[in-house]
Amino acid sequence: MNSRGSASTFLISQACRPMEKGIVFRMSQATGCSECSITCEALEVHLWLSPRADARHMLKTFEDARNRIVAVAGKKMRARPSNSVPTHPS
């Protein structure tokens, strides 16, 4: 919910980039876009990605958990509306 009590809608870009330490993706909402990331460690701890997985497996895990990842990133975007939203295993 935003500060006025209504639900926010988040859209995730199709252009997800696997990086050495995780995946970078963009999310947008009515107030703008944010670059987000999820670390390999978070994918391993919470989404059962195999350690030292290749980019194809990272993207498959990301896609399988897309709704969960969007929910966490959206919550973080609402909590601190900046241009960057990192997601770590905490």
PDB file of N, CA and C in Angstrom:
ATOM      1  N   MET A   1       0.831  -1.172   0.000  1.00  0.00           N
ATOM      2  CA  MET A   1       0.000   0.000   0.000  1.00  0.00           C
ATOM      3  C   MET A   1       0.879   1.239   0.000  1.00  0.00           C
ATOM      4  N   ASN A   2       0.429   2.255  -0.671  1.00  0.00           N
ATOM      5  CA  ASN A   2       1.185   3.499  -0.641  1.00  0.00           C
ATOM      6  C   ASN A   2       0.743   4.333   0.546  1.00  0.00           C
ATOM      7  N   SER A   3       1.276   5.559   0.652  1.00  0.00           N
ATOM      8  CA  SER A   3       0.987   6.373   1.835  1.00  0.00           C
ATOM      9  C   SER A   3      -0.487   6.748   1.943  1.00  0.00           C
ATOM     10  N   ARG A   4      -1.231   6.653   0.864  1.00  0.00           N
ATOM     11  CA  ARG A   4      -2.658   6.961   0.908  1.00  0.00           C
ATOM     12  C   ARG A   4      -3.514   5.719   1.160  1.00  0.00           C
ATOM     13  N   GLY A   5      -2.862   4.557   1.329  1.00  0.00           N
ATOM     14  CA  GLY A   5      -3.600   3.355   1.674  1.00  0.00           C
ATOM     15  C   GLY A   5      -4.047   2.524   0.497  1.00  0.00           C
ATOM     16  N   SER A   6      -3.702   2.901  -0.730  1.00  0.00           N
ATOM     17  CA  SER A   6      -4.110   2.090  -1.875  1.00  0.00           C
ATOM     18  C   SER A   6      -2.958   1.205  -2.308  1.00  0.00           C
ATOM     19  N   ALA A   7      -3.292   0.111  -2.962  1.00  0.00           N
ATOM     20  CA  ALA A   7      -2.278  -0.844  -3.399  1.00  0.00           C
ATOM     21  C   ALA A   7      -1.489  -0.288  -4.572  1.00  0.00           C
ATOM     22  N   SER A   8      -0.200  -0.618  -4.641  1.00  0.00           N
ATOM     23  CA  SER A   8       0.652  -0.229  -5.753  1.00  0.00           C
ATOM     24  C   SER A   8       0.782  -1.396  -6.710  1.00  0.00           C
ATOM     25  N   THR A   9       0.954  -1.088  -7.980  1.00  0.00           N
ATOM     26  CA  THR A   9       1.173  -2.117  -8.981  1.00  0.00           C
ATOM     27  C   THR A   9       2.599  -2.002  -9.474  1.00  0.00           C
ATOM     28  N   PHE A  10       3.315  -3.112  -9.503  1.00  0.00           N
ATOM     29  CA  PHE A  10       4.694  -3.132  -9.945  1.00  0.00           C
ATOM     30  C   PHE A  10       4.801  -3.980 -11.195  1.00  0.00           C
ATOM     31  N   LEU A  11       5.521  -3.493 -12.167  1.00  0.00           N
ATOM     32  CA  LEU A  11       5.785  -4.231 -13.390  1.00  0.00           C
ATOM     33  C   LEU A  11       7.279  -4.476 -13.467  1.00  0.00           C
ATOM     34  N   ILE A  12       7.667  -5.656 -13.907  1.00  0.00           N
ATOM     35  CA  ILE A  12       9.082  -5.981 -14.018  1.00  0.00           C
ATOM     36  C   ILE A  12       9.447  -6.068 -15.489  1.00  0.00           C
ATOM     37  N   SER A  13      10.572  -5.501 -15.824  1.00  0.00           N
ATOM     38  CA  SER A  13      11.047  -5.513 -17.199  1.00  0.00           C
ATOM     39  C   SER A  13      11.433  -6.926 -17.605  1.00  0.00           C
ATOM     40  N   GLN A  14      11.303  -7.234 -18.868  1.00  0.00           N
ATOM     41  CA  GLN A  14      11.734  -8.542 -19.375  1.00  0.00           C
ATOM     42  C   GLN A  14      13.256  -8.627 -19.459  1.00  0.00           C
ATOM     43  N   ALA A  15      13.937  -7.501 -19.422  1.00  0.00           N
ATOM     44  CA  ALA A  15      15.389  -7.464 -19.594  1.00  0.00           C
ATOM     45  C   ALA A  15      16.103  -7.677 -18.266  1.00  0.00           C
ATOM     46  N   CYS A  16      16.203  -8.913 -17.835  1.00  0.00           N
ATOM     47  CA  CYS A  16      16.945  -9.255 -16.624  1.00  0.00           C
ATOM     48  C   CYS A  16      18.362  -9.613 -17.050  1.00  0.00           C
ATOM     49  N   ARG A  17      19.341  -9.106 -16.327  1.00  0.00           N
ATOM     50  CA  ARG A  17      20.733  -9.355 -16.683  1.00  0.00           C
ATOM     51  C   ARG A  17      21.415 -10.174 -15.597  1.00  0.00           C
ATOM     52  N   PRO A  18      21.842 -11.388 -15.935  1.00  0.00           N
ATOM     53  CA  PRO A  18      22.621 -12.134 -14.950  1.00  0.00           C
ATOM     54  C   PRO A  18      24.010 -11.512 -14.834  1.00  0.00           C
ATOM     55  N   MET A  19      24.457 -11.302 -13.631  1.00  0.00           N
ATOM     56  CA  MET A  19      25.775 -10.746 -13.366  1.00  0.00           C
ATOM     57  C   MET A  19      26.550 -11.782 -12.554  1.00  0.00           C
ATOM     58  N   GLU A  20      27.805 -11.511 -12.306  1.00  0.00           N
ATOM     59  CA  GLU A  20      28.633 -12.461 -11.569  1.00  0.00           C
ATOM     60  C   GLU A  20      28.076 -12.767 -10.183  1.00  0.00           C
ATOM     61  N   LYS A  21      27.503 -11.738  -9.532  1.00  0.00           N
ATOM     62  CA  LYS A  21      27.048 -11.925  -8.151  1.00  0.00           C
ATOM     63  C   LYS A  21      25.535 -11.911  -8.005  1.00  0.00           C
ATOM     64  N   GLY A  22      24.795 -12.003  -9.102  1.00  0.00           N
ATOM     65  CA  GLY A  22      23.345 -12.013  -9.009  1.00  0.00           C
ATOM     66  C   GLY A  22      22.679 -11.579 -10.297  1.00  0.00           C
ATOM     67  N   ILE A  23      21.450 -11.102 -10.180  1.00  0.00           N
ATOM     68  CA  ILE A  23      20.656 -10.676 -11.329  1.00  0.00           C
ATOM     69  C   ILE A  23      20.192  -9.245 -11.103  1.00  0.00           C
ATOM     70  N   VAL A  24      20.315  -8.437 -12.130  1.00  0.00           N
ATOM     71  CA  VAL A  24      19.857  -7.048 -12.100  1.00  0.00           C
ATOM     72  C   VAL A  24      18.607  -6.966 -12.965  1.00  0.00           C
ATOM     73  N   PHE A  25      17.582  -6.282 -12.463  1.00  0.00           N
ATOM     74  CA  PHE A  25      16.336  -6.126 -13.212  1.00  0.00           C
ATOM     75  C   PHE A  25      15.723  -4.773 -12.875  1.00  0.00           C
ATOM     76  N   ARG A  26      14.810  -4.320 -13.706  1.00  0.00           N
ATOM     77  CA  ARG A  26      14.147  -3.033 -13.495  1.00  0.00           C
ATOM     78  C   ARG A  26      12.681  -3.273 -13.170  1.00  0.00           C
ATOM     79  N   MET A  27      12.186  -2.498 -12.210  1.00  0.00           N
ATOM     80  CA  MET A  27      10.772  -2.535 -11.870  1.00  0.00           C
ATOM     81  C   MET A  27      10.223  -1.133 -12.019  1.00  0.00           C
ATOM     82  N   SER A  28       8.971  -1.048 -12.434  1.00  0.00           N
ATOM     83  CA  SER A  28       8.361   0.275 -12.555  1.00  0.00           C
ATOM     84  C   SER A  28       7.016   0.285 -11.845  1.00  0.00           C
ATOM     85  N   GLN A  29       6.653   1.466 -11.417  1.00  0.00           N
ATOM     86  CA  GLN A  29       5.350   1.709 -10.816  1.00  0.00           C
ATOM     87  C   GLN A  29       4.934   3.102 -11.246  1.00  0.00           C
ATOM     88  N   ALA A  30       3.810   3.560 -10.814  1.00  0.00           N
ATOM     89  CA  ALA A  30       3.283   4.855 -11.242  1.00  0.00           C
ATOM     90  C   ALA A  30       4.240   6.008 -10.948  1.00  0.00           C
ATOM     91  N   THR A  31       5.014   5.902  -9.886  1.00  0.00           N
ATOM     92  CA  THR A  31       5.907   6.996  -9.500  1.00  0.00           C
ATOM     93  C   THR A  31       7.271   6.926 -10.150  1.00  0.00           C
ATOM     94  N   GLY A  32       7.579   5.878 -10.918  1.00  0.00           N
ATOM     95  CA  GLY A  32       8.859   5.799 -11.614  1.00  0.00           C
ATOM     96  C   GLY A  32       9.432   4.403 -11.642  1.00  0.00           C
ATOM     97  N   CYS A  33      10.666   4.307 -12.123  1.00  0.00           N
ATOM     98  CA  CYS A  33      11.371   3.027 -12.262  1.00  0.00           C
ATOM     99  C   CYS A  33      12.500   2.931 -11.250  1.00  0.00           C
ATOM    100  N   SER A  34      12.837   1.713 -10.898  1.00  0.00           N
ATOM    101  CA  SER A  34      13.986   1.462 -10.029  1.00  0.00           C
ATOM    102  C   SER A  34      14.768   0.294 -10.584  1.00  0.00           C
ATOM    103  N   GLU A  35      16.090   0.387 -10.487  1.00  0.00           N
ATOM    104  CA  GLU A  35      16.922  -0.761 -10.823  1.00  0.00           C
ATOM    105  C   GLU A  35      17.039  -1.603  -9.570  1.00  0.00           C
ATOM    106  N   CYS A  36      16.769  -2.877  -9.703  1.00  0.00           N
ATOM    107  CA  CYS A  36      16.775  -3.796  -8.570  1.00  0.00           C
ATOM    108  C   CYS A  36      17.789  -4.899  -8.825  1.00  0.00           C
ATOM    109  N   SER A  37      18.179  -5.577  -7.783  1.00  0.00           N
ATOM    110  CA  SER A  37      19.081  -6.711  -7.943  1.00  0.00           C
ATOM    111  C   SER A  37      18.776  -7.735  -6.863  1.00  0.00           C
ATOM    112  N   ILE A  38      19.097  -8.977  -7.186  1.00  0.00           N
ATOM    113  CA  ILE A  38      19.014 -10.052  -6.209  1.00  0.00           C
ATOM    114  C   ILE A  38      20.327 -10.811  -6.303  1.00  0.00           C
ATOM    115  N   THR A  39      20.941 -11.059  -5.162  1.00  0.00           N
ATOM    116  CA  THR A  39      22.249 -11.705  -5.143  1.00  0.00           C
ATOM    117  C   THR A  39      22.124 -13.209  -5.361  1.00  0.00           C
ATOM    118  N   CYS A  40      23.226 -13.799  -5.817  1.00  0.00           N
ATOM    119  CA  CYS A  40      23.276 -15.258  -5.948  1.00  0.00           C
ATOM    120  C   CYS A  40      23.033 -15.913  -4.593  1.00  0.00           C
ATOM    121  N   GLU A  41      23.591 -15.304  -3.550  1.00  0.00           N
ATOM    122  CA  GLU A  41      23.418 -15.852  -2.204  1.00  0.00           C
ATOM    123  C   GLU A  41      21.934 -15.893  -1.815  1.00  0.00           C
ATOM    124  N   ALA A  42      21.190 -14.827  -2.131  1.00  0.00           N
ATOM    125  CA  ALA A  42      19.755 -14.816  -1.821  1.00  0.00           C
ATOM    126  C   ALA A  42      19.028 -15.888  -2.632  1.00  0.00           C
ATOM    127  N   LEU A  43      19.410 -16.047  -3.894  1.00  0.00           N
ATOM    128  CA  LEU A  43      18.789 -17.102  -4.714  1.00  0.00           C
ATOM    129  C   LEU A  43      19.100 -18.485  -4.146  1.00  0.00           C
ATOM    130  N   GLU A  44      20.311 -18.673  -3.644  1.00  0.00           N
ATOM    131  CA  GLU A  44      20.702 -19.963  -3.062  1.00  0.00           C
ATOM    132  C   GLU A  44      19.971 -20.233  -1.748  1.00  0.00           C
ATOM    133  N   VAL A  45      19.932 -19.231  -0.873  1.00  0.00           N
ATOM    134  CA  VAL A  45      19.349 -19.404   0.460  1.00  0.00           C
ATOM    135  C   VAL A  45      17.830 -19.565   0.400  1.00  0.00           C
ATOM    136  N   HIS A  46      17.160 -18.728  -0.370  1.00  0.00           N
ATOM    137  CA  HIS A  46      15.701 -18.693  -0.346  1.00  0.00           C
ATOM    138  C   HIS A  46      15.025 -19.439  -1.492  1.00  0.00           C
ATOM    139  N   LEU A  47      15.745 -19.659  -2.586  1.00  0.00           N
ATOM    140  CA  LEU A  47      15.091 -20.222  -3.772  1.00  0.00           C
ATOM    141  C   LEU A  47      15.806 -21.452  -4.308  1.00  0.00           C
ATOM    142  N   TRP A  48      16.692 -22.026  -3.538  1.00  0.00           N
ATOM    143  CA  TRP A  48      17.338 -23.297  -3.826  1.00  0.00           C
ATOM    144  C   TRP A  48      18.170 -23.322  -5.107  1.00  0.00           C
ATOM    145  N   LEU A  49      18.789 -22.193  -5.463  1.00  0.00           N
ATOM    146  CA  LEU A  49      19.721 -22.185  -6.579  1.00  0.00           C
ATOM    147  C   LEU A  49      20.974 -22.931  -6.154  1.00  0.00           C
ATOM    148  N   SER A  50      21.494 -23.769  -7.029  1.00  0.00           N
ATOM    149  CA  SER A  50      22.723 -24.505  -6.724  1.00  0.00           C
ATOM    150  C   SER A  50      23.911 -23.551  -6.661  1.00  0.00           C
ATOM    151  N   PRO A  51      24.814 -23.765  -5.717  1.00  0.00           N
ATOM    152  CA  PRO A  51      26.021 -22.927  -5.667  1.00  0.00           C
ATOM    153  C   PRO A  51      26.782 -23.033  -6.989  1.00  0.00           C
ATOM    154  N   ARG A  52      27.363 -21.936  -7.412  1.00  0.00           N
ATOM    155  CA  ARG A  52      28.141 -21.848  -8.646  1.00  0.00           C
ATOM    156  C   ARG A  52      27.306 -22.173  -9.889  1.00  0.00           C
ATOM    157  N   ALA A  53      26.021 -21.873  -9.846  1.00  0.00           N
ATOM    158  CA  ALA A  53      25.138 -22.117 -10.992  1.00  0.00           C
ATOM    159  C   ALA A  53      25.502 -21.172 -12.135  1.00  0.00           C
ATOM    160  N   ASP A  54      25.264 -21.630 -13.358  1.00  0.00           N
ATOM    161  CA  ASP A  54      25.546 -20.779 -14.514  1.00  0.00           C
ATOM    162  C   ASP A  54      24.397 -19.799 -14.735  1.00  0.00           C
ATOM    163  N   ALA A  55      24.584 -18.880 -15.684  1.00  0.00           N
ATOM    164  CA  ALA A  55      23.598 -17.821 -15.942  1.00  0.00           C
ATOM    165  C   ALA A  55      22.237 -18.390 -16.318  1.00  0.00           C
ATOM    166  N   ARG A  56      22.209 -19.453 -17.087  1.00  0.00           N
ATOM    167  CA  ARG A  56      20.938 -20.058 -17.502  1.00  0.00           C
ATOM    168  C   ARG A  56      20.146 -20.541 -16.295  1.00  0.00           C
ATOM    169  N   HIS A  57      20.806 -21.190 -15.350  1.00  0.00           N
ATOM    170  CA  HIS A  57      20.117 -21.680 -14.151  1.00  0.00           C
ATOM    171  C   HIS A  57      19.700 -20.529 -13.233  1.00  0.00           C
ATOM    172  N   MET A  58      20.528 -19.475 -13.162  1.00  0.00           N
ATOM    173  CA  MET A  58      20.156 -18.303 -12.367  1.00  0.00           C
ATOM    174  C   MET A  58      18.876 -17.685 -12.916  1.00  0.00           C
ATOM    175  N   LEU A  59      18.807 -17.505 -14.241  1.00  0.00           N
ATOM    176  CA  LEU A  59      17.618 -16.905 -14.851  1.00  0.00           C
ATOM    177  C   LEU A  59      16.394 -17.800 -14.697  1.00  0.00           C
ATOM    178  N   LYS A  60      16.583 -19.105 -14.778  1.00  0.00           N
ATOM    179  CA  LYS A  60      15.464 -20.048 -14.595  1.00  0.00           C
ATOM    180  C   LYS A  60      14.922 -19.948 -13.169  1.00  0.00           C
ATOM    181  N   THR A  61      15.814 -19.904 -12.189  1.00  0.00           N
ATOM    182  CA  THR A  61      15.395 -19.767 -10.792  1.00  0.00           C
ATOM    183  C   THR A  61      14.679 -18.441 -10.589  1.00  0.00           C
ATOM    184  N   PHE A  62      15.227 -17.369 -11.170  1.00  0.00           N
ATOM    185  CA  PHE A  62      14.602 -16.055 -11.075  1.00  0.00           C
ATOM    186  C   PHE A  62      13.197 -16.092 -11.672  1.00  0.00           C
ATOM    187  N   GLU A  63      13.064 -16.656 -12.843  1.00  0.00           N
ATOM    188  CA  GLU A  63      11.761 -16.703 -13.521  1.00  0.00           C
ATOM    189  C   GLU A  63      10.754 -17.537 -12.722  1.00  0.00           C
ATOM    190  N   ASP A  64      11.201 -18.657 -12.168  1.00  0.00           N
ATOM    191  CA  ASP A  64      10.313 -19.513 -11.375  1.00  0.00           C
ATOM    192  C   ASP A  64       9.806 -18.797 -10.121  1.00  0.00           C
ATOM    193  N   ALA A  65      10.612 -17.898  -9.577  1.00  0.00           N
ATOM    194  CA  ALA A  65      10.255 -17.201  -8.336  1.00  0.00           C
ATOM    195  C   ALA A  65       9.896 -15.740  -8.584  1.00  0.00           C
ATOM    196  N   ARG A  66       9.610 -15.390  -9.817  1.00  0.00           N
ATOM    197  CA  ARG A  66       9.352 -13.997 -10.194  1.00  0.00           C
ATOM    198  C   ARG A  66       8.352 -13.314  -9.269  1.00  0.00           C
ATOM    199  N   ASN A  67       7.230 -13.942  -8.959  1.00  0.00           N
ATOM    200  CA  ASN A  67       6.207 -13.303  -8.117  1.00  0.00           C
ATOM    201  C   ASN A  67       6.727 -13.014  -6.712  1.00  0.00           C
ATOM    202  N   ARG A  68       7.473 -13.938  -6.141  1.00  0.00           N
ATOM    203  CA  ARG A  68       8.044 -13.730  -4.804  1.00  0.00           C
ATOM    204  C   ARG A  68       9.063 -12.605  -4.825  1.00  0.00           C
ATOM    205  N   ILE A  69       9.917 -12.588  -5.861  1.00  0.00           N
ATOM    206  CA  ILE A  69      10.948 -11.567  -5.970  1.00  0.00           C
ATOM    207  C   ILE A  69      10.317 -10.188  -6.149  1.00  0.00           C
ATOM    208  N   VAL A  70       9.302 -10.097  -7.002  1.00  0.00           N
ATOM    209  CA  VAL A  70       8.604  -8.822  -7.220  1.00  0.00           C
ATOM    210  C   VAL A  70       7.955  -8.347  -5.923  1.00  0.00           C
ATOM    211  N   ALA A  71       7.379  -9.266  -5.154  1.00  0.00           N
ATOM    212  CA  ALA A  71       6.740  -8.884  -3.891  1.00  0.00           C
ATOM    213  C   ALA A  71       7.760  -8.287  -2.916  1.00  0.00           C
ATOM    214  N   VAL A  72       8.918  -8.920  -2.783  1.00  0.00           N
ATOM    215  CA  VAL A  72       9.946  -8.418  -1.865  1.00  0.00           C
ATOM    216  C   VAL A  72      10.508  -7.091  -2.366  1.00  0.00           C
ATOM    217  N   ALA A  73      10.844  -7.021  -3.656  1.00  0.00           N
ATOM    218  CA  ALA A  73      11.392  -5.775  -4.208  1.00  0.00           C
ATOM    219  C   ALA A  73      10.363  -4.645  -4.122  1.00  0.00           C
ATOM    220  N   GLY A  74       9.090  -4.949  -4.379  1.00  0.00           N
ATOM    221  CA  GLY A  74       8.039  -3.936  -4.274  1.00  0.00           C
ATOM    222  C   GLY A  74       7.903  -3.409  -2.857  1.00  0.00           C
ATOM    223  N   LYS A  75       7.992  -4.309  -1.891  1.00  0.00           N
ATOM    224  CA  LYS A  75       7.923  -3.891  -0.483  1.00  0.00           C
ATOM    225  C   LYS A  75       9.090  -2.965  -0.150  1.00  0.00           C
ATOM    226  N   LYS A  76      10.280  -3.311  -0.640  1.00  0.00           N
ATOM    227  CA  LYS A  76      11.449  -2.469  -0.393  1.00  0.00           C
ATOM    228  C   LYS A  76      11.326  -1.131  -1.111  1.00  0.00           C
ATOM    229  N   MET A  77      10.748  -1.121  -2.323  1.00  0.00           N
ATOM    230  CA  MET A  77      10.549   0.132  -3.053  1.00  0.00           C
ATOM    231  C   MET A  77       9.612   1.060  -2.296  1.00  0.00           C
ATOM    232  N   ARG A  78       8.551   0.502  -1.718  1.00  0.00           N
ATOM    233  CA  ARG A  78       7.611   1.321  -0.953  1.00  0.00           C
ATOM    234  C   ARG A  78       8.246   1.847   0.330  1.00  0.00           C
ATOM    235  N   ALA A  79       9.095   1.030   0.948  1.00  0.00           N
ATOM    236  CA  ALA A  79       9.716   1.418   2.214  1.00  0.00           C
ATOM    237  C   ALA A  79      10.744   2.527   2.039  1.00  0.00           C
ATOM    238  N   ARG A  80      11.448   2.503   0.921  1.00  0.00           N
ATOM    239  CA  ARG A  80      12.454   3.543   0.656  1.00  0.00           C
ATOM    240  C   ARG A  80      12.519   3.803  -0.838  1.00  0.00           C
ATOM    241  N   PRO A  81      11.735   4.744  -1.289  1.00  0.00           N
ATOM    242  CA  PRO A  81      11.636   5.030  -2.724  1.00  0.00           C
ATOM    243  C   PRO A  81      12.893   5.714  -3.265  1.00  0.00           C
ATOM    244  N   SER A  82      13.901   4.910  -3.591  1.00  0.00           N
ATOM    245  CA  SER A  82      15.125   5.424  -4.209  1.00  0.00           C
ATOM    246  C   SER A  82      15.233   4.811  -5.598  1.00  0.00           C
ATOM    247  N   ASN A  83      16.361   4.957  -6.233  1.00  0.00           N
ATOM    248  CA  ASN A  83      16.537   4.409  -7.577  1.00  0.00           C
ATOM    249  C   ASN A  83      17.141   3.018  -7.582  1.00  0.00           C
ATOM    250  N   SER A  84      17.543   2.486  -6.449  1.00  0.00           N
ATOM    251  CA  SER A  84      18.200   1.191  -6.398  1.00  0.00           C
ATOM    252  C   SER A  84      17.599   0.353  -5.275  1.00  0.00           C
ATOM    253  N   VAL A  85      17.288  -0.899  -5.570  1.00  0.00           N
ATOM    254  CA  VAL A  85      16.692  -1.790  -4.563  1.00  0.00           C
ATOM    255  C   VAL A  85      17.460  -3.099  -4.561  1.00  0.00           C
ATOM    256  N   PRO A  86      18.458  -3.236  -3.684  1.00  0.00           N
ATOM    257  CA  PRO A  86      19.169  -4.517  -3.598  1.00  0.00           C
ATOM    258  C   PRO A  86      18.384  -5.508  -2.733  1.00  0.00           C
ATOM    259  N   THR A  87      18.456  -6.769  -3.102  1.00  0.00           N
ATOM    260  CA  THR A  87      17.796  -7.811  -2.318  1.00  0.00           C
ATOM    261  C   THR A  87      18.846  -8.817  -1.901  1.00  0.00           C
ATOM    262  N   HIS A  88      19.094  -8.892  -0.587  1.00  0.00           N
ATOM    263  CA  HIS A  88      20.100  -9.753  -0.005  1.00  0.00           C
ATOM    264  C   HIS A  88      19.414 -10.809   0.852  1.00  0.00           C
ATOM    265  N   PRO A  89      20.121 -11.880   1.175  1.00  0.00           N
ATOM    266  CA  PRO A  89      19.524 -12.924   2.013  1.00  0.00           C
ATOM    267  C   PRO A  89      19.464 -12.530   3.472  1.00  0.00           C
ATOM    268  N   SER A  90      18.394 -11.860   3.874  1.00  0.00           N
ATOM    269  CA  SER A  90      18.284 -11.482   5.290  1.00  0.00           C
ATOM    270  C   SER A  90      16.950 -11.893   5.842  1.00  0.00           C
TER     271      SER A  90
END
